[in-house]
Amino acid sequence: MVKLKNLRSNFQFKRLLNQKKIHTEYFSVYFGKNLSKENNKKLNISFVIKKKTGNSVVRNKIKRRLREAVRKDLKNKKIININYSYIIIGKSKTFTEKYSIISDELNKTFLKIKQMNI
């Protein structure tokens, strides 16, 4: 089973923010090739919510929804490439929308990423 690992260093964030990106109405995904080859069973991914989105309850709920959608995709469909690092920036509309719609949108986004990198 693949585990989720957060990006830690400022260097990793800045490098990914200058790479490829896909925007949707619920979130934005920044992605790039993973520099370290040692983590073959861990997915480098971070979930970021801007502070102006809402209070901590709202921000944490958005993170939980996005994180669970990624876990579900990793477990069932193997769409997400673990050789890449990802930053997912959630938007405020994610809080009010149904989980199934967010999960489907995330699924479509990772399919686009997979097609772009083939």
Protein backbone atom coordinates (compact mmCIF):
# COMPACT_ATOMS: atom_id res chain seq x y z
CA MET A 1 0.00 0.00 0.00
CA VAL A 2 1.23 3.46 -0.91
CA LYS A 3 1.44 6.01 1.90
CA LEU A 4 1.07 9.76 1.62
CA LYS A 5 4.13 11.84 2.51
CA ASN A 6 4.07 15.63 2.89
CA LEU A 7 6.52 17.91 1.17
CA ARG A 8 8.72 19.46 3.82
CA SER A 9 11.24 21.90 2.43
CA ASN A 10 10.72 25.33 0.94
CA PHE A 11 12.85 24.21 -2.01
CA GLN A 12 10.38 21.44 -2.90
CA PHE A 13 7.39 23.82 -2.79
CA LYS A 14 9.08 26.50 -4.91
CA ARG A 15 10.26 23.96 -7.47
CA LEU A 16 6.76 22.48 -7.86
CA LEU A 17 5.05 25.86 -8.08
CA ASN A 18 7.17 26.61 -11.16
CA GLN A 19 6.26 23.29 -12.83
CA LYS A 20 3.10 22.23 -14.69
CA LYS A 21 -0.34 23.00 -13.25
CA ILE A 22 -4.02 22.25 -13.77
CA HIS A 23 -6.80 24.46 -12.38
CA THR A 24 -10.39 23.43 -11.66
CA GLU A 25 -13.17 25.23 -9.85
CA TYR A 26 -12.55 23.19 -6.68
CA PHE A 27 -8.75 23.00 -6.52
CA SER A 28 -5.47 23.55 -8.37
CA VAL A 29 -2.87 20.82 -8.82
CA TYR A 30 0.83 21.59 -9.29
CA PHE A 31 3.01 18.65 -10.23
CA GLY A 32 6.52 17.77 -11.29
CA LYS A 33 8.97 14.89 -11.47
CA ASN A 34 10.15 13.58 -8.10
CA LEU A 35 13.84 14.35 -7.48
CA SER A 36 14.58 11.60 -4.97
CA LYS A 37 14.25 7.97 -6.10
CA GLU A 38 14.44 6.42 -2.63
CA ASN A 39 10.69 6.69 -1.80
CA ASN A 40 9.18 4.07 -4.07
CA LYS A 41 6.25 3.30 -1.72
CA LYS A 42 5.42 6.89 -0.73
CA LEU A 43 3.56 9.57 -2.65
CA ASN A 44 4.91 13.10 -2.15
CA ILE A 45 1.81 15.25 -1.90
CA SER A 46 0.80 18.31 0.10
CA PHE A 47 -2.61 19.89 0.62
CA VAL A 48 -2.64 23.67 0.97
CA ILE A 49 -5.56 25.97 1.79
CA LYS A 50 -5.23 29.73 1.88
CA LYS A 51 -5.98 31.37 5.19
CA LYS A 52 -8.57 33.71 3.69
CA THR A 53 -10.68 30.66 2.69
CA GLY A 54 -12.23 30.44 6.16
CA ASN A 55 -11.56 29.52 9.74
CA SER A 56 -9.56 26.45 10.75
CA VAL A 57 -12.62 24.17 10.76
CA VAL A 58 -13.37 24.97 7.12
CA ARG A 59 -9.73 24.66 6.01
CA ASN A 60 -9.24 21.33 7.77
CA LYS A 61 -12.46 19.89 6.34
CA ILE A 62 -11.34 20.80 2.82
CA LYS A 63 -7.97 19.12 3.45
CA ARG A 64 -9.64 15.99 4.83
CA ARG A 65 -11.96 15.72 1.81
CA LEU A 66 -9.12 16.11 -0.69
CA ARG A 67 -6.82 13.74 1.21
CA GLU A 68 -9.48 11.03 1.36
CA ALA A 69 -10.25 11.40 -2.35
CA VAL A 70 -6.54 10.90 -3.14
CA ARG A 71 -6.37 7.85 -0.85
CA LYS A 72 -9.42 6.39 -2.57
CA ASP A 73 -7.86 6.89 -6.01
CA LEU A 74 -4.58 5.33 -4.89
CA LYS A 75 -6.33 2.31 -3.47
CA ASN A 76 -8.80 1.56 -6.25
CA LYS A 77 -7.61 2.79 -9.61
CA LYS A 78 -3.83 3.34 -9.51
CA ILE A 79 -4.22 6.50 -11.60
CA ILE A 80 -1.78 8.59 -9.57
CA ASN A 81 1.87 8.27 -10.57
CA ILE A 82 4.04 7.98 -7.44
CA ASN A 83 7.13 9.13 -9.35
CA TYR A 84 5.73 12.66 -9.30
CA SER A 85 5.28 15.18 -6.48
CA TYR A 86 2.01 17.09 -6.13
CA ILE A 87 0.68 20.19 -4.41
CA ILE A 88 -3.10 20.46 -4.24
CA ILE A 89 -4.41 23.91 -3.37
CA GLY A 90 -8.03 23.72 -2.27
CA LYS A 91 -10.59 26.43 -2.94
CA SER A 92 -13.52 27.53 -0.81
CA LYS A 93 -16.09 25.95 -3.13
CA THR A 94 -14.79 22.52 -2.07
CA PHE A 95 -16.34 23.02 1.38
CA THR A 96 -19.92 23.37 0.12
CA GLU A 97 -19.85 20.77 -2.67
CA LYS A 98 -20.68 17.07 -2.29
CA TYR A 99 -17.77 14.70 -1.73
CA SER A 100 -18.66 12.53 -4.74
CA ILE A 101 -18.36 15.48 -7.13
CA ILE A 102 -15.01 16.50 -5.66
CA SER A 103 -13.73 12.94 -5.90
CA ASP A 104 -14.81 12.65 -9.55
CA GLU A 105 -13.18 15.97 -10.40
CA LEU A 106 -9.93 14.90 -8.73
CA ASN A 107 -10.08 11.61 -10.62
CA LYS A 108 -10.48 13.44 -13.96
CA THR A 109 -7.60 15.76 -13.10
CA PHE A 110 -5.21 12.90 -12.34
CA LEU A 111 -6.24 11.21 -15.60
CA LYS A 112 -5.30 14.42 -17.46
CA ILE A 113 -1.96 14.48 -15.65
CA LYS A 114 -1.31 10.87 -16.57
CA GLN A 115 -2.08 11.55 -20.24
CA MET A 116 0.18 14.63 -20.26
CA ASN A 117 3.15 12.65 -18.91
CA ILE A 118 2.97 9.63 -21.21
